[in-house]
């Protein structure tokens, strides 16, 4: 197909887990994320990498990763879509029973992350999906904070309309339920992950493991900073869309309006305050905070042993 390249090295049979990763112009982080998937104790996975845009370094690096590991499937699209469109494209290629999400600038620090989540969903069919905790880092891998999301379904629902109750790069969901709800809403310009988890909450229960699974990168080149104004308009749509399914509409609307005011401050003001305010928001809506010392011991191994493919 013109404008679309697929490089695959397929085995046979369907894997238990499809790991979905989007990438666009961030080759400096990509290898770290992929290595954290390879290091998982559960080996029955496929990794689908959807690359939007013309970055030649990303394409060259991915060719090496595909040659190195046949479980990695790489799809390069010259014409970019929004995040939801790229996710849905990748999920249309998926074979796994479960889907795990990992952003290209994040990485998993718990090597048993996939194994624990598969075991939980196998044992608890009433649950639509599950997630875990995060360690927030800057672009130089300095840990800013660690936090856990609300653990149990009732706690998750109580806060879900005010902020995303599931941190996307920690999550796993049942692919059949994703198909049922139409996966990601491509009409939203931002916060598509928040919306899909609110919709998953209408399909079944949600759970967050009380441990750190992922390191999450906050930096001024990340999507969260670049998309602030689009995100806040999407947040308004999401809060109104789900106002009857979850509690706390008036408080959630107030927070969105405050976010709207902030998004219209001068860019230099937002850039200087973004990292701090993002950490504070995560702390406010987290179930518990943890210090950096409570991260898994393997975190230093993952951070220190990232190697380039080939």
Protein backbone atom coordinates (compact mmCIF):
# COMPACT_ATOMS: atom_id res chain seq x y z
CA UNK A 1 0.00 0.00 0.00
CA UNK A 2 1.39 3.41 -0.95
CA UNK A 3 2.66 5.43 2.00
CA UNK A 4 2.59 2.43 4.36
CA UNK A 5 5.41 0.07 5.14
CA UNK A 6 4.99 -3.06 7.28
CA UNK A 7 8.07 -4.89 8.46
CA UNK A 8 7.24 -8.08 10.35
CA UNK A 9 8.90 -11.29 11.41
CA UNK A 10 5.91 -13.33 12.46
CA UNK A 11 5.82 -16.59 14.35
CA UNK A 12 2.77 -18.84 14.48
CA UNK A 13 -0.25 -18.74 16.78
CA UNK A 14 -1.81 -15.87 18.71
CA UNK A 15 0.08 -14.34 21.66
CA UNK A 16 -1.53 -13.77 25.03
CA UNK A 17 -0.64 -10.06 24.93
CA UNK A 18 -0.36 -7.39 22.27
CA UNK A 19 1.82 -4.51 23.41
CA UNK A 20 0.88 -1.34 21.53
CA UNK A 21 3.45 1.45 21.17
CA UNK A 22 3.11 4.65 19.15
CA UNK A 23 6.16 6.65 18.14
CA UNK A 24 6.70 9.96 16.36
CA UNK A 25 10.02 11.82 16.24
CA UNK A 26 11.36 10.54 19.58
CA UNK A 27 14.05 7.99 18.60
CA UNK A 28 16.13 8.95 21.65
CA UNK A 29 13.64 7.18 23.94
CA UNK A 30 12.38 4.34 21.75
CA UNK A 31 15.05 1.73 22.44
CA UNK A 32 14.61 2.10 26.18
CA UNK A 33 10.88 1.37 25.89
CA UNK A 34 11.33 -1.64 23.59
CA UNK A 35 14.03 -3.16 25.81
CA UNK A 36 11.67 -3.00 28.79
CA UNK A 37 9.17 -5.13 26.84
CA UNK A 38 11.83 -7.66 25.87
CA UNK A 39 12.88 -7.91 29.53
CA UNK A 40 9.43 -9.10 30.66
CA UNK A 41 9.29 -12.52 32.32
CA UNK A 42 6.15 -13.33 30.30
CA UNK A 43 7.45 -14.02 26.82
CA UNK A 44 4.14 -14.70 25.05
CA UNK A 45 3.64 -11.25 23.52
CA UNK A 46 3.79 -9.34 20.28
CA UNK A 47 4.91 -5.72 20.15
CA UNK A 48 3.20 -3.53 17.56
CA UNK A 49 5.03 -0.25 16.92
CA UNK A 50 3.10 2.32 14.87
CA UNK A 51 5.39 5.05 13.56
CA UNK A 52 3.76 8.19 12.23
CA UNK A 53 5.92 10.67 10.37
CA UNK A 54 9.12 10.68 8.30
CA UNK A 55 11.82 10.33 10.99
CA UNK A 56 14.58 8.31 9.31
CA UNK A 57 16.40 7.46 12.54
CA UNK A 58 13.28 5.83 13.95
CA UNK A 59 12.80 3.79 10.78
CA UNK A 60 16.43 2.64 10.76
CA UNK A 61 16.34 1.70 14.44
CA UNK A 62 13.10 -0.22 14.04
CA UNK A 63 14.46 -2.27 11.15
CA UNK A 64 17.20 -3.48 13.50
CA UNK A 65 14.74 -4.28 16.30
CA UNK A 66 12.53 -6.32 13.94
CA UNK A 67 15.56 -8.31 12.76
CA UNK A 68 16.56 -8.92 16.36
CA UNK A 69 13.21 -10.16 17.73
CA UNK A 70 10.48 -11.81 15.61
CA UNK A 71 7.80 -10.78 18.11
CA UNK A 72 8.21 -7.13 17.08
CA UNK A 73 5.96 -5.84 14.29
CA UNK A 74 6.64 -2.41 12.83
CA UNK A 75 4.20 -0.27 10.83
CA UNK A 76 5.37 3.01 9.32
CA UNK A 77 2.76 5.48 8.12
CA UNK A 78 4.02 8.51 6.19
CA UNK A 79 0.79 10.38 6.81
CA UNK A 80 0.17 10.99 10.50
CA UNK A 81 -3.19 10.65 12.22
CA UNK A 82 -4.08 11.72 15.73
CA UNK A 83 -3.22 9.48 18.68
CA UNK A 84 -6.58 7.71 18.62
CA UNK A 85 -6.29 7.02 14.90
CA UNK A 86 -2.79 5.59 15.29
CA UNK A 87 -3.90 3.43 18.24
CA UNK A 88 -6.87 2.09 16.32
CA UNK A 89 -4.68 1.34 13.32
CA UNK A 90 -2.29 -0.63 15.50
CA UNK A 91 -5.11 -2.47 17.26
CA UNK A 92 -6.53 -3.53 13.90
CA UNK A 93 -3.30 -5.53 13.45
CA UNK A 94 -3.41 -7.03 16.96
CA UNK A 95 -3.67 -10.76 17.69
CA UNK A 96 -3.38 -10.82 21.48
CA UNK A 97 -6.14 -11.71 23.92
CA UNK A 98 -5.06 -8.77 26.06
CA UNK A 99 -3.68 -5.37 25.08
CA UNK A 100 -0.99 -3.54 27.05
CA UNK A 101 -0.10 0.07 26.29
CA UNK A 102 3.38 1.60 26.44
CA UNK A 103 4.24 5.09 25.20
CA UNK A 104 7.57 5.40 23.41
CA UNK A 105 9.01 7.84 25.97
CA UNK A 106 8.03 5.66 28.96
CA UNK A 107 9.32 2.23 29.99
CA UNK A 108 8.41 -0.62 32.32
CA UNK A 109 10.54 -1.15 35.43
CA UNK A 110 8.72 -4.21 36.77
CA UNK A 111 9.84 -7.26 34.73
CA UNK A 112 6.81 -9.24 35.92
CA UNK A 113 4.33 -6.52 34.96
CA UNK A 114 2.73 -8.44 32.09
CA UNK A 115 2.72 -11.73 34.00
CA UNK A 116 0.93 -10.22 36.98
CA UNK A 117 -1.70 -8.49 34.85
CA UNK A 118 -2.42 -11.54 32.72
CA UNK A 119 -2.75 -13.64 35.85
CA UNK A 120 -5.14 -11.12 37.39
CA UNK A 121 -7.39 -10.84 34.34
CA UNK A 122 -7.39 -14.62 33.84
CA UNK A 123 -8.56 -15.08 37.43
CA UNK A 124 -11.08 -12.19 37.46
CA UNK A 125 -13.29 -12.23 34.35
CA UNK A 126 -15.52 -9.45 35.73
CA UNK A 127 -12.66 -6.96 35.30
CA UNK A 128 -12.30 -5.04 32.04
CA UNK A 129 -8.71 -4.03 32.67
CA UNK A 130 -6.04 -3.10 35.17
CA UNK A 131 -3.12 -0.74 35.68
CA UNK A 132 -0.51 0.19 38.26
CA UNK A 133 1.71 2.91 39.68
CA UNK A 134 4.18 5.29 38.07
CA UNK A 135 7.52 6.91 38.78
CA UNK A 136 7.67 10.33 37.13
CA UNK A 137 11.02 11.24 35.57
CA UNK A 138 12.40 14.14 33.57
CA UNK A 139 14.13 13.72 30.22
CA UNK A 140 17.43 13.05 32.03
CA UNK A 141 15.84 10.17 34.00
CA UNK A 142 15.85 12.03 37.31
CA UNK A 143 12.96 10.71 39.42
CA UNK A 144 10.61 13.53 40.42
CA UNK A 145 8.03 11.47 42.31
CA UNK A 146 6.40 8.07 42.50
CA UNK A 147 2.68 7.53 42.93
CA UNK A 148 -0.01 4.88 42.97
CA UNK A 149 -3.48 5.26 41.51
CA UNK A 150 -6.58 4.31 43.55
CA UNK A 151 -6.50 0.52 43.82
CA UNK A 152 -10.05 -0.82 44.00
CA UNK A 153 -12.98 -0.34 41.64
CA UNK A 154 -15.03 1.82 43.99
CA UNK A 155 -12.11 4.17 44.69
CA UNK A 156 -11.33 4.38 40.98
CA UNK A 157 -14.90 5.31 40.06
CA UNK A 158 -15.10 7.98 42.76
CA UNK A 159 -12.27 9.97 41.11
CA UNK A 160 -12.66 8.94 37.49
CA UNK A 161 -14.50 12.03 36.24
CA UNK A 162 -11.93 14.43 37.72
CA UNK A 163 -8.83 12.78 36.24
CA UNK A 164 -7.88 9.63 34.36
CA UNK A 165 -8.06 6.84 36.95
CA UNK A 166 -5.66 4.63 34.96
CA UNK A 167 -2.15 5.64 33.90
CA UNK A 168 -2.04 4.57 30.28
CA UNK A 169 1.47 3.12 30.06
CA UNK A 170 0.71 0.82 33.00
CA UNK A 171 -2.55 -0.57 31.65
CA UNK A 172 -3.83 -3.82 30.16
CA UNK A 173 -7.34 -4.47 28.85
CA UNK A 174 -9.33 -7.23 27.20
CA UNK A 175 -9.15 -6.80 23.43
CA UNK A 176 -12.67 -8.19 22.93
CA UNK A 177 -14.06 -5.39 25.13
CA UNK A 178 -12.04 -2.82 23.18
CA UNK A 179 -13.62 -4.10 19.99
CA UNK A 180 -17.06 -3.90 21.59
CA UNK A 181 -16.71 -0.19 22.44
CA UNK A 182 -14.95 0.72 19.20
CA UNK A 183 -11.51 1.26 20.79
CA UNK A 184 -10.35 4.91 20.85
CA UNK A 185 -12.56 7.85 19.90
CA UNK A 186 -10.88 9.50 16.90
CA UNK A 187 -13.10 12.60 17.18
CA UNK A 188 -11.24 13.63 20.36
CA UNK A 189 -8.12 15.73 19.87
CA UNK A 190 -6.70 14.73 23.26
CA UNK A 191 -7.23 12.66 26.41
CA UNK A 192 -8.38 9.71 24.33
CA UNK A 193 -6.92 7.39 26.99
CA UNK A 194 -9.07 8.96 29.74
CA UNK A 195 -12.19 8.54 27.62
CA UNK A 196 -11.53 4.90 26.76
CA UNK A 197 -11.01 3.97 30.41
CA UNK A 198 -14.24 5.67 31.39
CA UNK A 199 -15.94 3.57 28.70
CA UNK A 200 -14.16 0.41 29.88
CA UNK A 201 -15.57 1.19 33.32
CA UNK A 202 -19.03 0.77 31.82
CA UNK A 203 -18.07 -2.72 30.62
CA UNK A 204 -16.61 -4.12 33.82
CA UNK A 205 -14.60 -3.44 36.95
CA UNK A 206 -11.20 -1.72 37.04
CA UNK A 207 -8.17 -2.39 39.23
CA UNK A 208 -4.77 -0.77 39.87
CA UNK A 209 -1.93 -2.82 41.34
CA UNK A 210 -0.42 -1.10 44.40
CA UNK A 211 3.08 -1.05 42.95
CA UNK A 212 5.14 0.93 40.47
CA UNK A 213 5.11 -0.63 37.01
CA UNK A 214 6.38 2.17 34.78
CA UNK A 215 8.61 5.20 34.54
CA UNK A 216 6.70 8.07 32.95
CA UNK A 217 8.64 10.87 31.23
CA UNK A 218 7.53 14.49 31.61
CA UNK A 219 9.37 16.90 29.33
CA UNK A 220 8.54 19.98 27.28
CA UNK A 221 8.77 17.99 24.04
CA UNK A 222 6.19 15.49 25.21
CA UNK A 223 2.63 15.33 23.97
CA UNK A 224 1.13 16.44 27.29
CA UNK A 225 2.79 19.86 27.02
CA UNK A 226 2.41 20.34 23.28
CA UNK A 227 -1.30 19.45 23.25
CA UNK A 228 -2.52 21.46 26.24
CA UNK A 229 -5.20 23.53 24.52
CA UNK A 230 -6.51 20.60 22.49
CA UNK A 231 -6.50 18.46 25.61
CA UNK A 232 -8.60 20.85 27.66
CA UNK A 233 -11.29 21.08 24.97
CA UNK A 234 -11.36 17.31 24.84
CA UNK A 235 -11.63 17.23 28.64
CA UNK A 236 -14.77 19.35 28.46
CA UNK A 237 -16.31 16.89 26.01
CA UNK A 238 -15.31 13.90 28.13
CA UNK A 239 -16.67 15.31 31.39
CA UNK A 240 -20.01 16.16 29.79
CA UNK A 241 -20.14 12.81 27.94
CA UNK A 242 -19.69 10.76 31.12
CA UNK A 243 -21.46 13.03 33.63
CA UNK A 244 -24.32 10.54 34.18
CA UNK A 245 -22.10 7.47 34.48
CA UNK A 246 -19.76 8.75 37.19
CA UNK A 247 -20.07 10.92 40.29
CA UNK A 248 -18.58 14.38 40.85
CA UNK A 249 -19.64 16.31 37.75
CA UNK A 250 -19.59 19.79 39.30
CA UNK A 251 -16.11 19.36 40.78
CA UNK A 252 -14.80 17.85 37.55
CA UNK A 253 -16.19 20.73 35.51
CA UNK A 254 -14.54 23.26 37.82
CA UNK A 255 -11.16 21.57 37.35
CA UNK A 256 -11.55 21.57 33.58
CA UNK A 257 -12.36 25.30 33.56
CA UNK A 258 -9.26 25.99 35.65
CA UNK A 259 -7.23 23.96 33.16
CA UNK A 260 -8.76 25.98 30.33
CA UNK A 261 -7.61 29.24 31.92
CA UNK A 262 -4.10 27.86 32.41
CA UNK A 263 -3.90 26.66 28.80
CA UNK A 264 -4.34 30.25 27.60
CA UNK A 265 -1.44 31.68 29.62
CA UNK A 266 1.67 32.72 27.64
CA UNK A 267 3.71 29.76 26.44
CA UNK A 268 6.80 30.79 28.46
CA UNK A 269 4.76 30.78 31.67
CA UNK A 270 3.27 27.38 30.91
CA UNK A 271 6.62 25.89 29.93
CA UNK A 272 8.32 27.02 33.14
CA UNK A 273 5.53 25.69 35.36
CA UNK A 274 4.34 22.65 33.43
CA UNK A 275 6.50 19.96 35.02
CA UNK A 276 5.76 21.11 38.58
CA UNK A 277 2.01 21.45 38.03
CA UNK A 278 1.83 18.10 36.25
CA UNK A 279 3.50 16.41 39.23
CA UNK A 280 1.16 18.18 41.66
CA UNK A 281 -1.91 17.08 39.71
CA UNK A 282 -0.70 13.49 39.74
CA UNK A 283 -0.06 13.68 43.48
CA UNK A 284 -3.52 15.10 44.19
CA UNK A 285 -5.35 12.41 42.24
CA UNK A 286 -3.07 9.53 43.20
CA UNK A 287 -4.16 6.92 45.70
CA UNK A 288 -0.80 7.00 47.50
CA UNK A 289 2.59 8.60 46.96
CA UNK A 290 5.85 6.73 47.24
CA UNK A 291 9.47 7.77 47.38
CA UNK A 292 11.94 6.83 44.65
CA UNK A 293 13.53 4.24 46.93
CA UNK A 294 10.39 2.11 46.78
CA UNK A 295 10.73 1.43 43.06
CA UNK A 296 11.62 -2.12 41.99
CA UNK A 297 15.32 -2.91 42.24
CA UNK A 298 15.33 -3.73 38.53
CA UNK A 299 14.79 -0.06 37.66
CA UNK A 300 18.52 0.65 37.65
CA UNK A 301 19.10 -2.39 35.46
CA UNK A 302 16.56 -1.27 32.86
CA UNK A 303 17.82 2.31 32.89
CA UNK A 304 21.44 1.29 32.67
CA UNK A 305 21.34 -1.55 30.18
CA UNK A 306 19.32 -0.05 27.34
CA UNK A 307 21.18 -0.99 24.22
CA UNK A 308 20.58 -0.10 20.61
CA UNK A 309 19.29 -2.91 18.45
CA UNK A 310 21.93 -4.54 16.28
